[in-house]
C-alpha atoms as a PDB file:
ATOM      1  CA  MET A   1      91.896  83.184  85.949  1.00  0.00           C
ATOM      2  CA  ILE A   2      94.232  82.415  88.844  1.00  0.00           C
ATOM      3  CA  LEU A   3      92.722  84.694  91.457  1.00  0.00           C
ATOM      4  CA  GLU A   4      90.426  87.654  91.876  1.00  0.00           C
ATOM      5  CA  THR A   5      90.474  90.609  94.262  1.00  0.00           C
ATOM      6  CA  GLY A   6      88.028  93.461  94.700  1.00  0.00           C
ATOM      7  CA  ARG A   7      89.190  95.355  91.609  1.00  0.00           C
ATOM      8  CA  LEU A   8      91.556  92.962  89.852  1.00  0.00           C
ATOM      9  CA  VAL A   9      91.842  89.642  88.078  1.00  0.00           C
ATOM     10  CA  LEU A  10      95.169  87.830  87.935  1.00  0.00           C
ATOM     11  CA  ARG A  11      95.744  85.384  85.091  1.00  0.00           C
ATOM     12  CA  GLU A  12      98.635  83.783  83.278  1.00  0.00           C
ATOM     13  CA  LEU A  13     100.536  86.024  80.890  1.00  0.00           C
ATOM     14  CA  GLU A  14     100.178  85.137  77.206  1.00  0.00           C
ATOM     15  CA  HIS A  15     101.924  86.242  74.022  1.00  0.00           C
ATOM     16  CA  GLY A  16      99.151  88.777  73.332  1.00  0.00           C
ATOM     17  CA  ASP A  17     100.251  90.646  76.483  1.00  0.00           C
ATOM     18  CA  PHE A  18     103.577  91.591  74.888  1.00  0.00           C
ATOM     19  CA  PRO A  19     102.573  95.238  74.138  1.00  0.00           C
ATOM     20  CA  ALA A  20     101.236  95.805  77.676  1.00  0.00           C
ATOM     21  CA  LEU A  21     104.341  94.158  79.119  1.00  0.00           C
ATOM     22  CA  CYS A  22     106.538  96.431  76.971  1.00  0.00           C
ATOM     23  CA  ALA A  23     104.717  99.466  78.394  1.00  0.00           C
ATOM     24  CA  ILE A  24     105.899  98.343  81.845  1.00  0.00           C
ATOM     25  CA  LEU A  25     109.334  96.854  81.231  1.00  0.00           C
ATOM     26  CA  GLN A  26     110.434  99.484  78.708  1.00  0.00           C
ATOM     27  CA  ASP A  27     109.667 102.438  80.978  1.00  0.00           C
ATOM     28  CA  GLY A  28     112.907 103.720  82.494  1.00  0.00           C
ATOM     29  CA  GLU A  29     111.301 105.079  85.647  1.00  0.00           C
ATOM     30  CA  THR A  30     109.355 101.882  86.285  1.00  0.00           C
ATOM     31  CA  MET A  31     112.496  99.823  85.728  1.00  0.00           C
ATOM     32  CA  GLN A  32     114.794 101.968  87.868  1.00  0.00           C
ATOM     33  CA  ALA A  33     115.412  99.054  90.278  1.00  0.00           C
ATOM     34  CA  TYR A  34     116.647  97.042  87.265  1.00  0.00           C
ATOM     35  CA  GLU A  35     118.984  99.824  86.096  1.00  0.00           C
ATOM     36  CA  GLY A  36     116.875 100.777  83.102  1.00  0.00           C
ATOM     37  CA  ALA A  37     114.370  99.789  80.487  1.00  0.00           C
ATOM     38  CA  PHE A  38     114.389  96.421  78.719  1.00  0.00           C
ATOM     39  CA  SER A  39     114.797  95.864  74.991  1.00  0.00           C
ATOM     40  CA  ASP A  40     112.115  94.037  72.971  1.00  0.00           C
ATOM     41  CA  ALA A  41     114.236  90.871  73.201  1.00  0.00           C
ATOM     42  CA  GLU A  42     114.537  91.183  76.989  1.00  0.00           C
ATOM     43  CA  VAL A  43     110.766  91.684  77.333  1.00  0.00           C
ATOM     44  CA  MET A  44     110.122  88.565  75.229  1.00  0.00           C
ATOM     45  CA  GLU A  45     112.643  86.605  77.318  1.00  0.00           C
ATOM     46  CA  TRP A  46     110.857  87.804  80.502  1.00  0.00           C
ATOM     47  CA  LEU A  47     107.465  86.754  79.097  1.00  0.00           C
ATOM     48  CA  GLU A  48     108.693  83.328  78.041  1.00  0.00           C
ATOM     49  CA  LYS A  49     110.363  82.823  81.431  1.00  0.00           C
ATOM     50  CA  GLN A  50     106.984  83.326  83.138  1.00  0.00           C
ATOM     51  CA  MET A  51     105.358  80.825  80.778  1.00  0.00           C
ATOM     52  CA  ARG A  52     108.058  78.271  81.612  1.00  0.00           C
ATOM     53  CA  ARG A  53     107.451  78.892  85.307  1.00  0.00           C
ATOM     54  CA  TYR A  54     103.727  78.149  84.877  1.00  0.00           C
ATOM     55  CA  CYS A  55     104.579  74.788  83.311  1.00  0.00           C
ATOM     56  CA  GLU A  56     107.313  73.907  85.782  1.00  0.00           C
ATOM     57  CA  TYR A  57     105.875  75.186  89.075  1.00  0.00           C
ATOM     58  CA  GLY A  58     102.233  76.055  88.396  1.00  0.00           C
ATOM     59  CA  PHE A  59     102.872  79.712  89.241  1.00  0.00           C
ATOM     60  CA  GLY A  60     104.927  82.720  88.184  1.00  0.00           C
ATOM     61  CA  LEU A  61     104.309  86.402  87.625  1.00  0.00           C
ATOM     62  CA  TRP A  62     100.721  86.813  86.419  1.00  0.00           C
ATOM     63  CA  ALA A  63      99.016  89.519  84.380  1.00  0.00           C
ATOM     64  CA  VAL A  64      97.088  91.967  86.575  1.00  0.00           C
ATOM     65  CA  VAL A  65      93.917  93.048  84.780  1.00  0.00           C
ATOM     66  CA  LEU A  66      91.390  95.678  85.833  1.00  0.00           C
ATOM     67  CA  LYS A  67      87.966  94.074  86.212  1.00  0.00           C
ATOM     68  CA  GLY A  68      86.056  96.986  84.720  1.00  0.00           C
ATOM     69  CA  THR A  69      88.122  97.520  81.576  1.00  0.00           C
ATOM     70  CA  ARG A  70      89.932  94.169  81.149  1.00  0.00           C
ATOM     71  CA  LYS A  71      93.118  96.212  80.627  1.00  0.00           C
ATOM     72  CA  MET A  72      96.410  94.688  81.773  1.00  0.00           C
ATOM     73  CA  ILE A  73      97.979  97.223  84.146  1.00  0.00           C
ATOM     74  CA  GLY A  74     100.779  95.219  85.690  1.00  0.00           C
ATOM     75  CA  GLN A  75     102.098  91.893  86.770  1.00  0.00           C
ATOM     76  CA  CYS A  76     102.199  90.292  90.175  1.00  0.00           C
ATOM     77  CA  GLY A  77     102.761  86.758  91.305  1.00  0.00           C
ATOM     78  CA  LEU A  78     104.900  84.181  92.982  1.00  0.00           C
ATOM     79  CA  THR A  79     108.359  82.970  92.010  1.00  0.00           C
ATOM     80  CA  LEU A  80     111.128  80.929  93.556  1.00  0.00           C
ATOM     81  CA  GLN A  81     114.170  83.120  94.155  1.00  0.00           C
ATOM     82  CA  GLN A  82     117.608  82.748  95.670  1.00  0.00           C
ATOM     83  CA  TRP A  83     118.310  84.468  98.970  1.00  0.00           C
ATOM     84  CA  ASN A  84     121.859  84.068 100.262  1.00  0.00           C
ATOM     85  CA  GLY A  85     122.105  80.432  99.164  1.00  0.00           C
ATOM     86  CA  SER A  86     118.531  79.359  99.954  1.00  0.00           C
ATOM     87  CA  GLU A  87     115.496  79.149  97.695  1.00  0.00           C
ATOM     88  CA  VAL A  88     112.531  81.204  98.920  1.00  0.00           C
ATOM     89  CA  LEU A  89     108.987  81.854  97.691  1.00  0.00           C
ATOM     90  CA  GLU A  90     108.683  85.483  96.680  1.00  0.00           C
ATOM     91  CA  VAL A  91     105.757  87.709  95.812  1.00  0.00           C
ATOM     92  CA  GLY A  92     106.825  90.275  93.230  1.00  0.00           C
ATOM     93  CA  TYR A  93     105.047  93.124  91.458  1.00  0.00           C
ATOM     94  CA  LEU A  94     105.632  95.595  88.635  1.00  0.00           C
ATOM     95  CA  PHE A  95     102.949  97.990  87.417  1.00  0.00           C
ATOM     96  CA  ASN A  96     102.468 100.392  84.547  1.00  0.00           C
ATOM     97  CA  ARG A  97     103.405 103.816  85.930  1.00  0.00           C
ATOM     98  CA  ASP A  98      99.985 105.210  84.902  1.00  0.00           C
ATOM     99  CA  TYR A  99      98.472 103.007  87.636  1.00  0.00           C
ATOM    100  CA  TRP A 100     100.831 103.769  90.527  1.00  0.00           C
ATOM    101  CA  HIS A 101      99.551 105.187  93.835  1.00  0.00           C
ATOM    102  CA  ARG A 102      96.103 103.604  93.578  1.00  0.00           C
ATOM    103  CA  GLY A 103      96.685 100.586  95.821  1.00  0.00           C
ATOM    104  CA  TYR A 104      96.771  98.047  92.981  1.00  0.00           C
ATOM    105  CA  ALA A 105     100.199  96.607  93.888  1.00  0.00           C
ATOM    106  CA  THR A 106      99.161  96.182  97.520  1.00  0.00           C
ATOM    107  CA  GLU A 107      95.853  94.563  96.530  1.00  0.00           C
ATOM    108  CA  ALA A 108      97.411  92.200  93.995  1.00  0.00           C
ATOM    109  CA  ALA A 109     100.300  91.226  96.284  1.00  0.00           C
ATOM    110  CA  ARG A 110      97.897  90.553  99.151  1.00  0.00           C
ATOM    111  CA  GLY A 111      95.904  88.230  96.870  1.00  0.00           C
ATOM    112  CA  CYS A 112      99.105  86.406  95.899  1.00  0.00           C
ATOM    113  CA  ILE A 113     100.170  86.030  99.531  1.00  0.00           C
ATOM    114  CA  ASP A 114      96.764  84.529 100.377  1.00  0.00           C
ATOM    115  CA  TYR A 115      97.114  82.217  97.360  1.00  0.00           C
ATOM    116  CA  ALA A 116     100.555  81.095  98.583  1.00  0.00           C
ATOM    117  CA  PHE A 117      99.241  80.302 102.064  1.00  0.00           C
ATOM    118  CA  HIS A 118      95.904  78.720 101.142  1.00  0.00           C
ATOM    119  CA  VAL A 119      96.509  77.093  97.747  1.00  0.00           C
ATOM    120  CA  LEU A 120     100.237  76.299  97.836  1.00  0.00           C
ATOM    121  CA  ASP A 121     100.244  75.738 101.625  1.00  0.00           C
ATOM    122  CA  ALA A 122     103.406  77.818 101.969  1.00  0.00           C
ATOM    123  CA  CYS A 123     104.685  78.572 105.473  1.00  0.00           C
ATOM    124  CA  GLU A 124     106.143  81.954 104.502  1.00  0.00           C
ATOM    125  CA  VAL A 125     106.276  84.391 101.624  1.00  0.00           C
ATOM    126  CA  CYS A 126     108.879  87.067 101.115  1.00  0.00           C
ATOM    127  CA  SER A 127     109.657  90.024  98.882  1.00  0.00           C
ATOM    128  CA  ILE A 128     113.259  90.678  97.903  1.00  0.00           C
ATOM    129  CA  ILE A 129     113.497  94.408  97.273  1.00  0.00           C
ATOM    130  CA  ARG A 130     116.358  96.644  96.224  1.00  0.00           C
ATOM    131  CA  ASP A 131     117.459  98.968  99.016  1.00  0.00           C
ATOM    132  CA  SER A 132     116.606 102.058  96.966  1.00  0.00           C
ATOM    133  CA  ASN A 133     113.085 100.872  96.012  1.00  0.00           C
ATOM    134  CA  ILE A 134     111.162 102.603  98.793  1.00  0.00           C
ATOM    135  CA  ALA A 135     107.756 102.292  97.069  1.00  0.00           C
ATOM    136  CA  SER A 136     108.007  98.482  96.888  1.00  0.00           C
ATOM    137  CA  GLN A 137     109.204  98.350 100.484  1.00  0.00           C
ATOM    138  CA  LYS A 138     106.078 100.281 101.507  1.00  0.00           C
ATOM    139  CA  VAL A 139     103.874  97.786  99.636  1.00  0.00           C
ATOM    140  CA  ALA A 140     105.532  94.941 101.564  1.00  0.00           C
ATOM    141  CA  LEU A 141     104.922  96.707 104.882  1.00  0.00           C
ATOM    142  CA  ARG A 142     101.270  97.438 104.001  1.00  0.00           C
ATOM    143  CA  ASN A 143     100.849  93.705 103.375  1.00  0.00           C
ATOM    144  CA  GLY A 144     102.030  92.836 106.868  1.00  0.00           C
ATOM    145  CA  MET A 145     105.561  91.833 105.926  1.00  0.00           C
ATOM    146  CA  SER A 146     108.470  92.521 108.260  1.00  0.00           C
ATOM    147  CA  LYS A 147     111.992  93.395 107.215  1.00  0.00           C
ATOM    148  CA  ALA A 148     114.236  90.412 107.946  1.00  0.00           C
ATOM    149  CA  ASP A 149     117.844  90.601 109.038  1.00  0.00           C
ATOM    150  CA  GLY A 150     120.524  90.520 106.410  1.00  0.00           C
ATOM    151  CA  VAL A 151     121.264  91.956 103.012  1.00  0.00           C
ATOM    152  CA  MET A 152     121.987  90.256  99.713  1.00  0.00           C
ATOM    153  CA  VAL A 153     123.904  92.001  96.947  1.00  0.00           C
ATOM    154  CA  LYS A 154     122.820  91.186  93.400  1.00  0.00           C
ATOM    155  CA  HIS A 155     125.134  92.063  90.540  1.00  0.00           C
ATOM    156  CA  TYR A 156     123.099  93.100  87.491  1.00  0.00           C
ATOM    157  CA  ARG A 157     123.965  95.226  84.463  1.00  0.00           C
ATOM    158  CA  GLY A 158     127.367  95.983  85.961  1.00  0.00           C
ATOM    159  CA  VAL A 159     125.957  97.346  89.227  1.00  0.00           C
ATOM    160  CA  ASP A 160     126.080  95.935  92.758  1.00  0.00           C
ATOM    161  CA  MET A 161     122.551  96.217  94.146  1.00  0.00           C
ATOM    162  CA  PRO A 162     121.918  95.620  97.854  1.00  0.00           C
ATOM    163  CA  HIS A 163     118.527  93.965  98.492  1.00  0.00           C
ATOM    164  CA  TYR A 164     116.454  93.508 101.637  1.00  0.00           C
ATOM    165  CA  ARG A 165     114.074  90.654 102.357  1.00  0.00           C
ATOM    166  CA  TYR A 166     110.609  91.288 103.738  1.00  0.00           C
ATOM    167  CA  VAL A 167     108.810  88.247 105.171  1.00  0.00           C
ATOM    168  CA  LYS A 168     105.276  87.261 106.099  1.00  0.00           C
ATOM    169  CA  ILE A 169     104.790  84.055 108.116  1.00  0.00           C
ATOM    170  CA  LYS A 170     101.566  82.075 107.714  1.00  0.00           C
ATOM    171  CA  GLY A 171      99.211  82.756 110.624  1.00  0.00           C
ATOM    172  CA  GLU A 172     100.908  85.967 111.744  1.00  0.00           C
END
Protein backbone atom coordinates (compact mmCIF):
# COMPACT_ATOMS: atom_id res chain seq x y z
CA MET A 1 0.00 0.00 0.00
CA ILE A 2 1.29 3.45 -0.93
CA LEU A 3 -1.37 5.56 0.73
CA GLU A 4 -4.84 5.39 2.19
CA THR A 5 -7.74 7.85 2.20
CA GLY A 6 -11.14 7.64 3.83
CA ARG A 7 -12.59 5.25 1.24
CA LEU A 8 -9.61 4.22 -0.88
CA VAL A 9 -6.29 2.42 -0.89
CA LEU A 10 -3.66 3.27 -3.48
CA ARG A 11 -1.08 0.63 -4.34
CA GLU A 12 1.27 -0.22 -7.16
CA LEU A 13 -0.33 -1.68 -10.26
CA GLU A 14 0.52 -5.33 -10.96
CA HIS A 15 0.00 -7.66 -13.91
CA GLY A 16 -3.16 -9.06 -12.29
CA ASP A 17 -4.75 -5.61 -12.69
CA PHE A 18 -4.74 -5.93 -16.48
CA PRO A 19 -8.51 -6.73 -16.77
CA ALA A 20 -9.49 -3.81 -14.50
CA LEU A 21 -7.12 -1.53 -16.40
CA CYS A 22 -8.67 -2.66 -19.70
CA ALA A 23 -12.12 -1.72 -18.35
CA ILE A 24 -10.81 1.84 -17.96
CA LEU A 25 -8.44 2.31 -20.89
CA GLN A 26 -10.63 0.48 -23.42
CA ASP A 27 -13.73 2.56 -22.72
CA GLY A 28 -14.15 5.15 -25.46
CA GLU A 29 -15.96 7.68 -23.29
CA THR A 30 -13.41 7.41 -20.49
CA MET A 31 -10.58 7.79 -22.99
CA GLN A 32 -12.09 10.72 -24.90
CA ALA A 33 -9.18 12.99 -23.89
CA TYR A 34 -6.84 10.43 -25.51
CA GLU A 35 -8.87 10.30 -28.74
CA GLY A 36 -10.27 6.85 -28.09
CA ALA A 37 -9.92 3.49 -26.46
CA PHE A 38 -6.63 1.60 -26.21
CA SER A 39 -5.89 -1.81 -27.70
CA ASP A 40 -4.79 -4.72 -25.49
CA ALA A 41 -1.19 -4.02 -26.52
CA GLU A 42 -1.50 -0.33 -25.58
CA VAL A 43 -2.99 -1.23 -22.18
CA MET A 44 -0.10 -3.64 -21.51
CA GLU A 45 2.41 -0.97 -22.58
CA TRP A 46 0.70 1.51 -20.19
CA LEU A 47 0.85 -1.01 -17.33
CA GLU A 48 4.50 -1.83 -17.92
CA LYS A 49 5.35 1.88 -18.15
CA GLN A 50 3.93 2.40 -14.64
CA MET A 51 5.96 -0.53 -13.33
CA ARG A 52 9.12 0.98 -14.83
CA ARG A 53 8.27 4.29 -13.19
CA TYR A 54 8.01 2.59 -9.77
CA CYS A 55 11.52 1.18 -10.21
CA GLU A 56 13.03 4.35 -11.62
CA TYR A 57 11.34 7.06 -9.53
CA GLY A 58 9.55 5.26 -6.69
CA PHE A 59 6.17 6.52 -7.92
CA GLY A 60 3.84 6.41 -10.91
CA LEU A 61 0.14 5.93 -11.49
CA TRP A 62 -1.17 3.63 -8.76
CA ALA A 63 -4.18 1.33 -8.60
CA VAL A 64 -7.11 2.92 -6.74
CA VAL A 65 -8.95 0.25 -4.76
CA LEU A 66 -12.18 0.57 -2.79
CA LYS A 67 -11.55 -0.32 0.84
CA GLY A 68 -14.82 -2.16 1.32
CA THR A 69 -14.71 -4.40 -1.76
CA ARG A 70 -10.99 -4.42 -2.68
CA LYS A 71 -12.11 -3.71 -6.26
CA MET A 72 -9.79 -1.64 -8.46
CA ILE A 73 -11.88 1.29 -9.73
CA GLY A 74 -9.24 3.54 -11.22
CA GLN A 75 -5.71 4.77 -11.19
CA CYS A 76 -4.23 7.89 -9.72
CA GLY A 77 -0.70 8.90 -8.93
CA LEU A 78 2.31 11.02 -9.64
CA THR A 79 4.42 11.17 -12.78
CA LEU A 80 7.08 13.41 -14.24
CA GLN A 81 5.76 15.14 -17.35
CA GLN A 82 7.00 17.68 -19.85
CA TRP A 83 5.44 21.14 -19.81
CA ASN A 84 6.74 23.51 -22.48
CA GLY A 85 10.33 22.31 -22.14
CA SER A 86 10.40 21.79 -18.36
CA GLU A 87 9.86 18.64 -16.33
CA VAL A 88 7.06 18.94 -13.76
CA LEU A 89 5.52 16.65 -11.14
CA GLU A 90 1.97 15.84 -12.14
CA VAL A 91 -0.93 14.20 -10.36
CA GLY A 92 -3.06 12.31 -12.86
CA TYR A 93 -6.23 10.24 -12.58
CA LEU A 94 -8.39 7.95 -14.71
CA PHE A 95 -11.38 6.07 -13.31
CA ASN A 96 -13.75 3.38 -14.47
CA ARG A 97 -16.84 5.22 -15.72
CA ASP A 98 -19.07 3.21 -13.34
CA TYR A 99 -17.41 5.13 -10.47
CA TRP A 100 -17.59 8.68 -11.82
CA HIS A 101 -19.37 11.46 -9.91
CA ARG A 102 -18.76 9.97 -6.47
CA GLY A 103 -15.75 12.06 -5.46
CA TYR A 104 -13.21 9.25 -5.85
CA ALA A 105 -10.93 11.15 -8.27
CA THR A 106 -10.89 14.19 -5.99
CA GLU A 107 -10.18 12.04 -2.91
CA ALA A 108 -7.43 10.02 -4.58
CA ALA A 109 -5.78 13.07 -6.16
CA ARG A 110 -5.83 14.92 -2.84
CA GLY A 111 -4.07 11.95 -1.22
CA CYS A 112 -1.44 11.98 -3.97
CA ILE A 113 -0.88 15.72 -3.61
CA ASP A 114 -0.36 15.28 0.15
CA TYR A 115 2.04 12.40 -0.60
CA ALA A 116 4.00 14.62 -3.01
CA PHE A 117 4.33 17.41 -0.43
CA HIS A 118 5.00 15.32 2.68
CA VAL A 119 6.81 12.22 1.40
CA LEU A 120 8.56 13.49 -1.74
CA ASP A 121 9.01 17.02 -0.32
CA ALA A 122 7.83 18.54 -3.60
CA CYS A 123 7.36 22.31 -3.76
CA GLU A 124 4.51 22.11 -6.28
CA VAL A 125 2.27 19.62 -8.00
CA CYS A 126 0.39 20.19 -11.22
CA SER A 127 -2.20 18.55 -13.44
CA ILE A 128 -1.86 18.87 -17.20
CA ILE A 129 -5.37 18.61 -18.59
CA ARG A 130 -6.74 18.73 -22.11
CA ASP A 131 -8.76 21.88 -22.75
CA SER A 132 -11.92 19.88 -23.47
CA ASN A 133 -11.68 17.73 -20.30
CA ILE A 134 -13.93 19.82 -18.06
CA ALA A 135 -14.49 17.04 -15.49
CA SER A 136 -10.74 16.70 -14.80
CA GLN A 137 -10.39 20.47 -14.63
CA LYS A 138 -13.10 20.52 -11.95
CA VAL A 139 -11.23 17.86 -9.95
CA ALA A 140 -8.10 20.03 -10.06
CA LEU A 141 -10.04 23.07 -8.84
CA ARG A 142 -11.70 21.07 -6.02
CA ASN A 143 -8.19 20.09 -4.89
CA GLY A 144 -7.13 23.71 -4.55
CA MET A 145 -5.20 23.93 -7.81
CA SER A 146 -5.15 27.14 -9.82
CA LYS A 147 -5.03 27.39 -13.59
CA ALA A 148 -1.58 28.62 -14.60
CA ASP A 149 -0.84 30.87 -17.55
CA GLY A 150 0.02 29.28 -20.84
CA VAL A 151 -1.09 26.43 -23.04
CA MET A 152 0.82 23.46 -24.37
CA VAL A 153 -0.29 21.61 -27.49
CA LYS A 154 0.30 17.86 -27.51
CA HIS A 155 0.13 16.00 -30.80
CA TYR A 156 -1.33 12.53 -30.26
CA ARG A 157 -3.08 10.11 -32.62
CA GLY A 158 -2.94 12.71 -35.38
CA VAL A 159 -4.71 15.40 -33.35
CA ASP A 160 -3.40 18.67 -31.90
CA MET A 161 -4.64 18.82 -28.30
CA PRO A 162 -4.32 22.05 -26.32
CA HIS A 163 -3.64 21.41 -22.61
CA TYR A 164 -3.83 23.64 -19.55
CA ARG A 165 -1.72 23.33 -16.42
CA TYR A 166 -3.29 23.52 -12.98
CA VAL A 167 -0.87 24.06 -10.08
CA LYS A 168 -0.87 23.69 -6.31
CA ILE A 169 2.04 25.20 -4.37
CA LYS A 170 3.10 23.61 -1.08
CA GLY A 171 1.75 25.61 1.87
CA GLU A 172 -0.92 27.45 -0.11
